[in-house]
Amino acid sequence: MHDSTDIQNNKGMAIVAYILFFIPLIAAKDSKFAWYHANQGLTLLVTAVIVNVILGIIPFIGWILLPLANLAIFILAILGIVAAAQGQAKPLPLIGKYTLLK
């Protein structure tokens, strides 16, 4: 799927994608590997915003579930960072199948 030179040259950008997804879009715009992880990072960000808004407006139960949901989002980010550092283009569990960037 991705060539090994692209992966080796852009592992750092792929890792950054889970913190600031748009940086690889600017700094590594020719890298399919960095774009893949930027898409995963953007999908994670959108998921985090949606989950936080929905659980934030649901009284009591939502407020109790919110820290657990944020912990799950943090774990997904760590999984993405580890996959990027290992040179893998592995989709995140549950949300990795969605493509927001073409």
PDB file of N, CA and C in Angstrom:
ATOM      1  N   MET A   1       0.822  -1.196   0.000  1.00  0.00           N
ATOM      2  CA  MET A   1       0.000   0.000   0.000  1.00  0.00           C
ATOM      3  C   MET A   1       0.869   1.263   0.000  1.00  0.00           C
ATOM      4  N   HIS A   2       1.846   1.342   0.887  1.00  0.00           N
ATOM      5  CA  HIS A   2       2.744   2.493   0.963  1.00  0.00           C
ATOM      6  C   HIS A   2       4.164   1.991   0.754  1.00  0.00           C
ATOM      7  N   ASP A   3       4.974   2.779   0.027  1.00  0.00           N
ATOM      8  CA  ASP A   3       6.337   2.302  -0.192  1.00  0.00           C
ATOM      9  C   ASP A   3       7.214   2.597   1.025  1.00  0.00           C
ATOM     10  N   SER A   4       8.239   1.773   1.187  1.00  0.00           N
ATOM     11  CA  SER A   4       9.062   1.837   2.405  1.00  0.00           C
ATOM     12  C   SER A   4       9.827   3.148   2.526  1.00  0.00           C
ATOM     13  N   THR A   5      10.208   3.763   1.431  1.00  0.00           N
ATOM     14  CA  THR A   5      10.899   5.055   1.492  1.00  0.00           C
ATOM     15  C   THR A   5       9.963   6.126   2.039  1.00  0.00           C
ATOM     16  N   ASP A   6       8.731   6.139   1.553  1.00  0.00           N
ATOM     17  CA  ASP A   6       7.723   7.088   2.037  1.00  0.00           C
ATOM     18  C   ASP A   6       7.507   6.897   3.539  1.00  0.00           C
ATOM     19  N   ILE A   7       7.385   5.653   3.961  1.00  0.00           N
ATOM     20  CA  ILE A   7       7.148   5.359   5.380  1.00  0.00           C
ATOM     21  C   ILE A   7       8.325   5.847   6.225  1.00  0.00           C
ATOM     22  N   GLN A   8       9.539   5.506   5.831  1.00  0.00           N
ATOM     23  CA  GLN A   8      10.728   5.895   6.611  1.00  0.00           C
ATOM     24  C   GLN A   8      10.890   7.412   6.678  1.00  0.00           C
ATOM     25  N   ASN A   9      10.629   8.087   5.560  1.00  0.00           N
ATOM     26  CA  ASN A   9      10.809   9.537   5.524  1.00  0.00           C
ATOM     27  C   ASN A   9       9.710  10.302   6.257  1.00  0.00           C
ATOM     28  N   ASN A  10       8.561   9.683   6.465  1.00  0.00           N
ATOM     29  CA  ASN A  10       7.419  10.426   6.992  1.00  0.00           C
ATOM     30  C   ASN A  10       6.807   9.846   8.259  1.00  0.00           C
ATOM     31  N   LYS A  11       7.547   8.993   8.957  1.00  0.00           N
ATOM     32  CA  LYS A  11       7.048   8.458  10.237  1.00  0.00           C
ATOM     33  C   LYS A  11       6.754   9.584  11.227  1.00  0.00           C
ATOM     34  N   GLY A  12       7.639  10.544  11.299  1.00  0.00           N
ATOM     35  CA  GLY A  12       7.454  11.674  12.218  1.00  0.00           C
ATOM     36  C   GLY A  12       6.189  12.452  11.903  1.00  0.00           C
ATOM     37  N   MET A  13       5.962  12.713  10.624  1.00  0.00           N
ATOM     38  CA  MET A  13       4.748  13.425  10.224  1.00  0.00           C
ATOM     39  C   MET A  13       3.500  12.597  10.541  1.00  0.00           C
ATOM     40  N   ALA A  14       3.587  11.288  10.366  1.00  0.00           N
ATOM     41  CA  ALA A  14       2.451  10.409  10.667  1.00  0.00           C
ATOM     42  C   ALA A  14       2.130  10.435  12.162  1.00  0.00           C
ATOM     43  N   ILE A  15       3.156  10.495  12.984  1.00  0.00           N
ATOM     44  CA  ILE A  15       2.951  10.570  14.441  1.00  0.00           C
ATOM     45  C   ILE A  15       2.310  11.907  14.809  1.00  0.00           C
ATOM     46  N   VAL A  16       2.801  12.989  14.230  1.00  0.00           N
ATOM     47  CA  VAL A  16       2.267  14.324  14.501  1.00  0.00           C
ATOM     48  C   VAL A  16       0.785  14.416  14.111  1.00  0.00           C
ATOM     49  N   ALA A  17       0.372  13.624  13.131  1.00  0.00           N
ATOM     50  CA  ALA A  17      -1.011  13.669  12.636  1.00  0.00           C
ATOM     51  C   ALA A  17      -2.038  13.387  13.728  1.00  0.00           C
ATOM     52  N   TYR A  18      -1.656  12.682  14.774  1.00  0.00           N
ATOM     53  CA  TYR A  18      -2.597  12.375  15.854  1.00  0.00           C
ATOM     54  C   TYR A  18      -2.667  13.500  16.888  1.00  0.00           C
ATOM     55  N   ILE A  19      -1.786  14.464  16.768  1.00  0.00           N
ATOM     56  CA  ILE A  19      -1.785  15.612  17.670  1.00  0.00           C
ATOM     57  C   ILE A  19      -2.351  16.833  16.939  1.00  0.00           C
ATOM     58  N   LEU A  20      -1.826  17.118  15.769  1.00  0.00           N
ATOM     59  CA  LEU A  20      -2.308  18.202  14.903  1.00  0.00           C
ATOM     60  C   LEU A  20      -2.414  17.650  13.484  1.00  0.00           C
ATOM     61  N   PHE A  21      -3.585  17.161  13.116  1.00  0.00           N
ATOM     62  CA  PHE A  21      -3.755  16.432  11.864  1.00  0.00           C
ATOM     63  C   PHE A  21      -3.358  17.232  10.630  1.00  0.00           C
ATOM     64  N   PHE A  22      -3.440  18.559  10.666  1.00  0.00           N
ATOM     65  CA  PHE A  22      -3.206  19.363   9.468  1.00  0.00           C
ATOM     66  C   PHE A  22      -1.726  19.584   9.151  1.00  0.00           C
ATOM     67  N   ILE A  23      -0.839  19.370  10.110  1.00  0.00           N
ATOM     68  CA  ILE A  23       0.597  19.579   9.873  1.00  0.00           C
ATOM     69  C   ILE A  23       1.114  18.673   8.747  1.00  0.00           C
ATOM     70  N   PRO A  24       0.817  17.358   8.754  1.00  0.00           N
ATOM     71  CA  PRO A  24       1.290  16.521   7.644  1.00  0.00           C
ATOM     72  C   PRO A  24       0.686  16.912   6.297  1.00  0.00           C
ATOM     73  N   LEU A  25      -0.508  17.493   6.305  1.00  0.00           N
ATOM     74  CA  LEU A  25      -1.133  17.919   5.053  1.00  0.00           C
ATOM     75  C   LEU A  25      -0.348  19.045   4.403  1.00  0.00           C
ATOM     76  N   ILE A  26       0.322  19.838   5.234  1.00  0.00           N
ATOM     77  CA  ILE A  26       1.122  20.959   4.736  1.00  0.00           C
ATOM     78  C   ILE A  26       2.571  20.523   4.500  1.00  0.00           C
ATOM     79  N   ALA A  27       3.159  19.839   5.479  1.00  0.00           N
ATOM     80  CA  ALA A  27       4.590  19.527   5.448  1.00  0.00           C
ATOM     81  C   ALA A  27       4.937  18.283   4.633  1.00  0.00           C
ATOM     82  N   ALA A  28       3.971  17.366   4.468  1.00  0.00           N
ATOM     83  CA  ALA A  28       4.256  16.119   3.737  1.00  0.00           C
ATOM     84  C   ALA A  28       3.122  15.836   2.756  1.00  0.00           C
ATOM     85  N   LYS A  29       2.801  16.838   1.947  1.00  0.00           N
ATOM     86  CA  LYS A  29       1.632  16.711   1.078  1.00  0.00           C
ATOM     87  C   LYS A  29       1.762  15.637  -0.006  1.00  0.00           C
ATOM     88  N   ASP A  30       2.963  15.176  -0.281  1.00  0.00           N
ATOM     89  CA  ASP A  30       3.152  14.128  -1.289  1.00  0.00           C
ATOM     90  C   ASP A  30       3.238  12.725  -0.688  1.00  0.00           C
ATOM     91  N   SER A  31       3.099  12.621   0.622  1.00  0.00           N
ATOM     92  CA  SER A  31       3.240  11.326   1.287  1.00  0.00           C
ATOM     93  C   SER A  31       1.877  10.675   1.539  1.00  0.00           C
ATOM     94  N   LYS A  32       1.656   9.546   0.910  1.00  0.00           N
ATOM     95  CA  LYS A  32       0.407   8.803   1.136  1.00  0.00           C
ATOM     96  C   LYS A  32       0.348   8.272   2.569  1.00  0.00           C
ATOM     97  N   PHE A  33       1.492   7.904   3.120  1.00  0.00           N
ATOM     98  CA  PHE A  33       1.559   7.399   4.488  1.00  0.00           C
ATOM     99  C   PHE A  33       1.158   8.490   5.487  1.00  0.00           C
ATOM    100  N   ALA A  34       1.709   9.689   5.345  1.00  0.00           N
ATOM    101  CA  ALA A  34       1.367  10.800   6.238  1.00  0.00           C
ATOM    102  C   ALA A  34      -0.095  11.199   6.062  1.00  0.00           C
ATOM    103  N   TRP A  35      -0.589  11.198   4.831  1.00  0.00           N
ATOM    104  CA  TRP A  35      -1.997  11.538   4.581  1.00  0.00           C
ATOM    105  C   TRP A  35      -2.925  10.506   5.214  1.00  0.00           C
ATOM    106  N   TYR A  36      -2.550   9.244   5.142  1.00  0.00           N
ATOM    107  CA  TYR A  36      -3.370   8.195   5.764  1.00  0.00           C
ATOM    108  C   TYR A  36      -3.522   8.480   7.258  1.00  0.00           C
ATOM    109  N   HIS A  37      -2.426   8.770   7.917  1.00  0.00           N
ATOM    110  CA  HIS A  37      -2.472   9.028   9.359  1.00  0.00           C
ATOM    111  C   HIS A  37      -3.113  10.388   9.666  1.00  0.00           C
ATOM    112  N   ALA A  38      -2.984  11.363   8.762  1.00  0.00           N
ATOM    113  CA  ALA A  38      -3.685  12.639   8.945  1.00  0.00           C
ATOM    114  C   ALA A  38      -5.195  12.402   8.893  1.00  0.00           C
ATOM    115  N   ASN A  39      -5.634  11.523   8.002  1.00  0.00           N
ATOM    116  CA  ASN A  39      -7.057  11.178   7.942  1.00  0.00           C
ATOM    117  C   ASN A  39      -7.504  10.504   9.228  1.00  0.00           C
ATOM    118  N   GLN A  40      -6.689   9.598   9.744  1.00  0.00           N
ATOM    119  CA  GLN A  40      -7.026   8.929  10.995  1.00  0.00           C
ATOM    120  C   GLN A  40      -7.081   9.949  12.141  1.00  0.00           C
ATOM    121  N   GLY A  41      -6.144  10.881  12.166  1.00  0.00           N
ATOM    122  CA  GLY A  41      -6.124  11.918  13.192  1.00  0.00           C
ATOM    123  C   GLY A  41      -7.338  12.837  13.112  1.00  0.00           C
ATOM    124  N   LEU A  42      -7.721  13.208  11.887  1.00  0.00           N
ATOM    125  CA  LEU A  42      -8.907  14.047  11.704  1.00  0.00           C
ATOM    126  C   LEU A  42     -10.167  13.301  12.125  1.00  0.00           C
ATOM    127  N   THR A  43     -10.271  12.040  11.750  1.00  0.00           N
ATOM    128  CA  THR A  43     -11.422  11.228  12.142  1.00  0.00           C
ATOM    129  C   THR A  43     -11.507  11.129  13.664  1.00  0.00           C
ATOM    130  N   LEU A  44     -10.379  10.967  14.309  1.00  0.00           N
ATOM    131  CA  LEU A  44     -10.345  10.907  15.768  1.00  0.00           C
ATOM    132  C   LEU A  44     -10.779  12.243  16.380  1.00  0.00           C
ATOM    133  N   LEU A  45     -10.321  13.351  15.818  1.00  0.00           N
ATOM    134  CA  LEU A  45     -10.705  14.673  16.312  1.00  0.00           C
ATOM    135  C   LEU A  45     -12.213  14.895  16.168  1.00  0.00           C
ATOM    136  N   VAL A  46     -12.761  14.580  14.998  1.00  0.00           N
ATOM    137  CA  VAL A  46     -14.201  14.747  14.773  1.00  0.00           C
ATOM    138  C   VAL A  46     -14.992  13.875  15.748  1.00  0.00           C
ATOM    139  N   THR A  47     -14.539  12.649  15.937  1.00  0.00           N
ATOM    140  CA  THR A  47     -15.198  11.750  16.898  1.00  0.00           C
ATOM    141  C   THR A  47     -15.152  12.332  18.303  1.00  0.00           C
ATOM    142  N   ALA A  48     -14.008  12.850  18.693  1.00  0.00           N
ATOM    143  CA  ALA A  48     -13.857  13.425  20.032  1.00  0.00           C
ATOM    144  C   ALA A  48     -14.803  14.611  20.236  1.00  0.00           C
ATOM    145  N   VAL A  49     -14.903  15.475  19.239  1.00  0.00           N
ATOM    146  CA  VAL A  49     -15.791  16.632  19.350  1.00  0.00           C
ATOM    147  C   VAL A  49     -17.246  16.182  19.471  1.00  0.00           C
ATOM    148  N   ILE A  50     -17.664  15.262  18.610  1.00  0.00           N
ATOM    149  CA  ILE A  50     -19.046  14.777  18.633  1.00  0.00           C
ATOM    150  C   ILE A  50     -19.370  14.123  19.975  1.00  0.00           C
ATOM    151  N   VAL A  51     -18.498  13.239  20.432  1.00  0.00           N
ATOM    152  CA  VAL A  51     -18.721  12.535  21.699  1.00  0.00           C
ATOM    153  C   VAL A  51     -18.778  13.530  22.861  1.00  0.00           C
ATOM    154  N   ASN A  52     -17.884  14.508  22.875  1.00  0.00           N
ATOM    155  CA  ASN A  52     -17.865  15.484  23.966  1.00  0.00           C
ATOM    156  C   ASN A  52     -19.106  16.371  23.961  1.00  0.00           C
ATOM    157  N   VAL A  53     -19.563  16.766  22.792  1.00  0.00           N
ATOM    158  CA  VAL A  53     -20.772  17.596  22.716  1.00  0.00           C
ATOM    159  C   VAL A  53     -21.990  16.796  23.173  1.00  0.00           C
ATOM    160  N   ILE A  54     -22.141  15.596  22.638  1.00  0.00           N
ATOM    161  CA  ILE A  54     -23.321  14.791  22.977  1.00  0.00           C
ATOM    162  C   ILE A  54     -23.331  14.428  24.457  1.00  0.00           C
ATOM    163  N   LEU A  55     -22.232  13.900  24.957  1.00  0.00           N
ATOM    164  CA  LEU A  55     -22.204  13.519  26.371  1.00  0.00           C
ATOM    165  C   LEU A  55     -22.229  14.733  27.301  1.00  0.00           C
ATOM    166  N   GLY A  56     -21.719  15.858  26.830  1.00  0.00           N
ATOM    167  CA  GLY A  56     -21.727  17.064  27.642  1.00  0.00           C
ATOM    168  C   GLY A  56     -23.110  17.649  27.861  1.00  0.00           C
ATOM    169  N   ILE A  57     -24.039  17.400  26.926  1.00  0.00           N
ATOM    170  CA  ILE A  57     -25.392  17.957  27.081  1.00  0.00           C
ATOM    171  C   ILE A  57     -26.367  16.984  27.739  1.00  0.00           C
ATOM    172  N   ILE A  58     -25.956  15.733  27.913  1.00  0.00           N
ATOM    173  CA  ILE A  58     -26.811  14.758  28.596  1.00  0.00           C
ATOM    174  C   ILE A  58     -26.524  14.836  30.094  1.00  0.00           C
ATOM    175  N   PRO A  59     -27.523  15.247  30.870  1.00  0.00           N
ATOM    176  CA  PRO A  59     -27.276  15.390  32.319  1.00  0.00           C
ATOM    177  C   PRO A  59     -26.938  14.048  32.987  1.00  0.00           C
ATOM    178  N   PHE A  60     -26.119  14.135  33.985  1.00  0.00           N
ATOM    179  CA  PHE A  60     -25.714  13.050  34.885  1.00  0.00           C
ATOM    180  C   PHE A  60     -25.059  11.871  34.174  1.00  0.00           C
ATOM    181  N   ILE A  61     -25.800  11.068  33.429  1.00  0.00           N
ATOM    182  CA  ILE A  61     -25.217   9.882  32.779  1.00  0.00           C
ATOM    183  C   ILE A  61     -24.127  10.306  31.781  1.00  0.00           C
ATOM    184  N   GLY A  62     -24.431  11.322  30.988  1.00  0.00           N
ATOM    185  CA  GLY A  62     -23.440  11.824  30.038  1.00  0.00           C
ATOM    186  C   GLY A  62     -22.209  12.343  30.734  1.00  0.00           C
ATOM    187  N   TRP A  63     -22.429  13.039  31.842  1.00  0.00           N
ATOM    188  CA  TRP A  63     -21.301  13.605  32.576  1.00  0.00           C
ATOM    189  C   TRP A  63     -20.453  12.514  33.216  1.00  0.00           C
ATOM    190  N   ILE A  64     -21.075  11.414  33.581  1.00  0.00           N
ATOM    191  CA  ILE A  64     -20.339  10.286  34.162  1.00  0.00           C
ATOM    192  C   ILE A  64     -19.555   9.550  33.066  1.00  0.00           C
ATOM    193  N   LEU A  65     -20.166   9.412  31.886  1.00  0.00           N
ATOM    194  CA  LEU A  65     -19.531   8.685  30.785  1.00  0.00           C
ATOM    195  C   LEU A  65     -18.448   9.499  30.074  1.00  0.00           C
ATOM    196  N   LEU A  66     -18.507  10.816  30.184  1.00  0.00           N
ATOM    197  CA  LEU A  66     -17.573  11.679  29.470  1.00  0.00           C
ATOM    198  C   LEU A  66     -16.098  11.377  29.760  1.00  0.00           C
ATOM    199  N   PRO A  67     -15.685  11.221  31.015  1.00  0.00           N
ATOM    200  CA  PRO A  67     -14.272  10.891  31.250  1.00  0.00           C
ATOM    201  C   PRO A  67     -13.871   9.539  30.650  1.00  0.00           C
ATOM    202  N   LEU A  68     -14.784   8.576  30.680  1.00  0.00           N
ATOM    203  CA  LEU A  68     -14.489   7.263  30.079  1.00  0.00           C
ATOM    204  C   LEU A  68     -14.347   7.372  28.571  1.00  0.00           C
ATOM    205  N   ALA A  69     -15.214   8.154  27.949  1.00  0.00           N
ATOM    206  CA  ALA A  69     -15.137   8.355  26.502  1.00  0.00           C
ATOM    207  C   ALA A  69     -13.837   9.052  26.125  1.00  0.00           C
ATOM    208  N   ASN A  70     -13.453  10.045  26.907  1.00  0.00           N
ATOM    209  CA  ASN A  70     -12.194  10.742  26.620  1.00  0.00           C
ATOM    210  C   ASN A  70     -10.979   9.843  26.837  1.00  0.00           C
ATOM    211  N   LEU A  71     -11.064   8.951  27.800  1.00  0.00           N
ATOM    212  CA  LEU A  71      -9.992   7.970  27.992  1.00  0.00           C
ATOM    213  C   LEU A  71      -9.900   7.047  26.769  1.00  0.00           C
ATOM    214  N   ALA A  72     -11.041   6.619  26.253  1.00  0.00           N
ATOM    215  CA  ALA A  72     -11.061   5.771  25.055  1.00  0.00           C
ATOM    216  C   ALA A  72     -10.468   6.511  23.857  1.00  0.00           C
ATOM    217  N   ILE A  73     -10.779   7.781  23.707  1.00  0.00           N
ATOM    218  CA  ILE A  73     -10.226   8.581  22.609  1.00  0.00           C
ATOM    219  C   ILE A  73      -8.711   8.720  22.764  1.00  0.00           C
ATOM    220  N   PHE A  74      -8.254   8.921  23.989  1.00  0.00           N
ATOM    221  CA  PHE A  74      -6.814   9.007  24.262  1.00  0.00           C
ATOM    222  C   PHE A  74      -6.124   7.690  23.896  1.00  0.00           C
ATOM    223  N   ILE A  75      -6.747   6.571  24.245  1.00  0.00           N
ATOM    224  CA  ILE A  75      -6.186   5.257  23.927  1.00  0.00           C
ATOM    225  C   ILE A  75      -6.121   5.062  22.413  1.00  0.00           C
ATOM    226  N   LEU A  76      -7.160   5.490  21.696  1.00  0.00           N
ATOM    227  CA  LEU A  76      -7.144   5.391  20.230  1.00  0.00           C
ATOM    228  C   LEU A  76      -6.003   6.223  19.652  1.00  0.00           C
ATOM    229  N   ALA A  77      -5.766   7.403  20.209  1.00  0.00           N
ATOM    230  CA  ALA A  77      -4.655   8.239  19.738  1.00  0.00           C
ATOM    231  C   ALA A  77      -3.315   7.541  19.968  1.00  0.00           C
ATOM    232  N   ILE A  78      -3.153   6.920  21.123  1.00  0.00           N
ATOM    233  CA  ILE A  78      -1.911   6.187  21.418  1.00  0.00           C
ATOM    234  C   ILE A  78      -1.734   5.023  20.436  1.00  0.00           C
ATOM    235  N   LEU A  79      -2.821   4.297  20.151  1.00  0.00           N
ATOM    236  CA  LEU A  79      -2.748   3.194  19.184  1.00  0.00           C
ATOM    237  C   LEU A  79      -2.323   3.703  17.806  1.00  0.00           C
ATOM    238  N   GLY A  80      -2.868   4.851  17.401  1.00  0.00           N
ATOM    239  CA  GLY A  80      -2.492   5.440  16.119  1.00  0.00           C
ATOM    240  C   GLY A  80      -1.044   5.864  16.082  1.00  0.00           C
ATOM    241  N   ILE A  81      -0.571   6.475  17.160  1.00  0.00           N
ATOM    242  CA  ILE A  81       0.823   6.914  17.238  1.00  0.00           C
ATOM    243  C   ILE A  81       1.766   5.708  17.181  1.00  0.00           C
ATOM    244  N   VAL A  82       1.420   4.654  17.896  1.00  0.00           N
ATOM    245  CA  VAL A  82       2.258   3.441  17.890  1.00  0.00           C
ATOM    246  C   VAL A  82       2.298   2.832  16.490  1.00  0.00           C
ATOM    247  N   ALA A  83       1.141   2.753  15.828  1.00  0.00           N
ATOM    248  CA  ALA A  83       1.100   2.199  14.461  1.00  0.00           C
ATOM    249  C   ALA A  83       1.951   3.047  13.514  1.00  0.00           C
ATOM    250  N   ALA A  84       1.844   4.364  13.619  1.00  0.00           N
ATOM    251  CA  ALA A  84       2.635   5.259  12.764  1.00  0.00           C
ATOM    252  C   ALA A  84       4.123   5.086  13.038  1.00  0.00           C
ATOM    253  N   ALA A  85       4.503   4.992  14.305  1.00  0.00           N
ATOM    254  CA  ALA A  85       5.915   4.841  14.672  1.00  0.00           C
ATOM    255  C   ALA A  85       6.490   3.522  14.167  1.00  0.00           C
ATOM    256  N   GLN A  86       5.629   2.506  14.065  1.00  0.00           N
ATOM    257  CA  GLN A  86       6.065   1.198  13.567  1.00  0.00           C
ATOM    258  C   GLN A  86       5.978   1.095  12.042  1.00  0.00           C
ATOM    259  N   GLY A  87       5.542   2.168  11.397  1.00  0.00           N
ATOM    260  CA  GLY A  87       5.459   2.174   9.944  1.00  0.00           C
ATOM    261  C   GLY A  87       4.258   1.418   9.410  1.00  0.00           C
ATOM    262  N   GLN A  88       3.227   1.290  10.206  1.00  0.00           N
ATOM    263  CA  GLN A  88       2.030   0.554   9.791  1.00  0.00           C
ATOM    264  C   GLN A  88       0.921   1.524   9.409  1.00  0.00           C
ATOM    265  N   ALA A  89       0.128   1.129   8.430  1.00  0.00           N
ATOM    266  CA  ALA A  89      -1.074   1.874   8.051  1.00  0.00           C
ATOM    267  C   ALA A  89      -2.265   1.048   8.521  1.00  0.00           C
ATOM    268  N   LYS A  90      -2.417   0.993   9.834  1.00  0.00           N
ATOM    269  CA  LYS A  90      -3.434   0.167  10.464  1.00  0.00           C
ATOM    270  C   LYS A  90      -4.583   1.070  10.909  1.00  0.00           C
ATOM    271  N   PRO A  91      -5.822   0.767  10.492  1.00  0.00           N
ATOM    272  CA  PRO A  91      -6.940   1.629  10.896  1.00  0.00           C
ATOM    273  C   PRO A  91      -7.213   1.550  12.394  1.00  0.00           C
ATOM    274  N   LEU A  92      -7.652   2.673  12.949  1.00  0.00           N
ATOM    275  CA  LEU A  92      -8.015   2.708  14.358  1.00  0.00           C
ATOM    276  C   LEU A  92      -9.253   1.846  14.589  1.00  0.00           C
ATOM    277  N   PRO A  93      -9.347   1.190  15.734  1.00  0.00           N
ATOM    278  CA  PRO A  93     -10.553   0.413  16.036  1.00  0.00           C
ATOM    279  C   PRO A  93     -11.796   1.317  16.038  1.00  0.00           C
ATOM    280  N   LEU A  94     -12.898   0.793  15.554  1.00  0.00           N
ATOM    281  CA  LEU A  94     -14.209   1.436  15.525  1.00  0.00           C
ATOM    282  C   LEU A  94     -14.357   2.575  14.526  1.00  0.00           C
ATOM    283  N   ILE A  95     -13.394   3.486  14.443  1.00  0.00           N
ATOM    284  CA  ILE A  95     -13.552   4.668  13.601  1.00  0.00           C
ATOM    285  C   ILE A  95     -12.605   4.711  12.406  1.00  0.00           C
ATOM    286  N   GLY A  96     -11.666   3.800  12.330  1.00  0.00           N
ATOM    287  CA  GLY A  96     -10.617   3.841  11.310  1.00  0.00           C
ATOM    288  C   GLY A  96     -11.080   3.586   9.890  1.00  0.00           C
ATOM    289  N   LYS A  97     -12.266   3.056   9.720  1.00  0.00           N
ATOM    290  CA  LYS A  97     -12.730   2.734   8.363  1.00  0.00           C
ATOM    291  C   LYS A  97     -13.268   3.956   7.616  1.00  0.00           C
ATOM    292  N   TYR A  98     -13.443   5.064   8.313  1.00  0.00           N
ATOM    293  CA  TYR A  98     -14.001   6.264   7.680  1.00  0.00           C
ATOM    294  C   TYR A  98     -12.899   7.123   7.079  1.00  0.00           C
ATOM    295  N   THR A  99     -13.154   7.637   5.880  1.00  0.00           N
ATOM    296  CA  THR A  99     -12.186   8.472   5.190  1.00  0.00           C
ATOM    297  C   THR A  99     -12.768   9.877   5.029  1.00  0.00           C
ATOM    298  N   LEU A 100     -12.147  10.837   5.669  1.00  0.00           N
ATOM    299  CA  LEU A 100     -12.597  12.221   5.589  1.00  0.00           C
ATOM    300  C   LEU A 100     -11.747  13.016   4.613  1.00  0.00           C
ATOM    301  N   LEU A 101     -10.510  12.598   4.391  1.00  0.00           N
ATOM    302  CA  LEU A 101      -9.600  13.261   3.466  1.00  0.00           C
ATOM    303  C   LEU A 101      -9.408  12.390   2.237  1.00  0.00           C
ATOM    304  N   LYS A 102      -9.532  12.980   1.082  1.00  0.00           N
ATOM    305  CA  LYS A 102      -9.339  12.216  -0.165  1.00  0.00           C
ATOM    306  C   LYS A 102      -8.006  12.567  -0.790  1.00  0.00           C
TER     307      LYS A 102
END
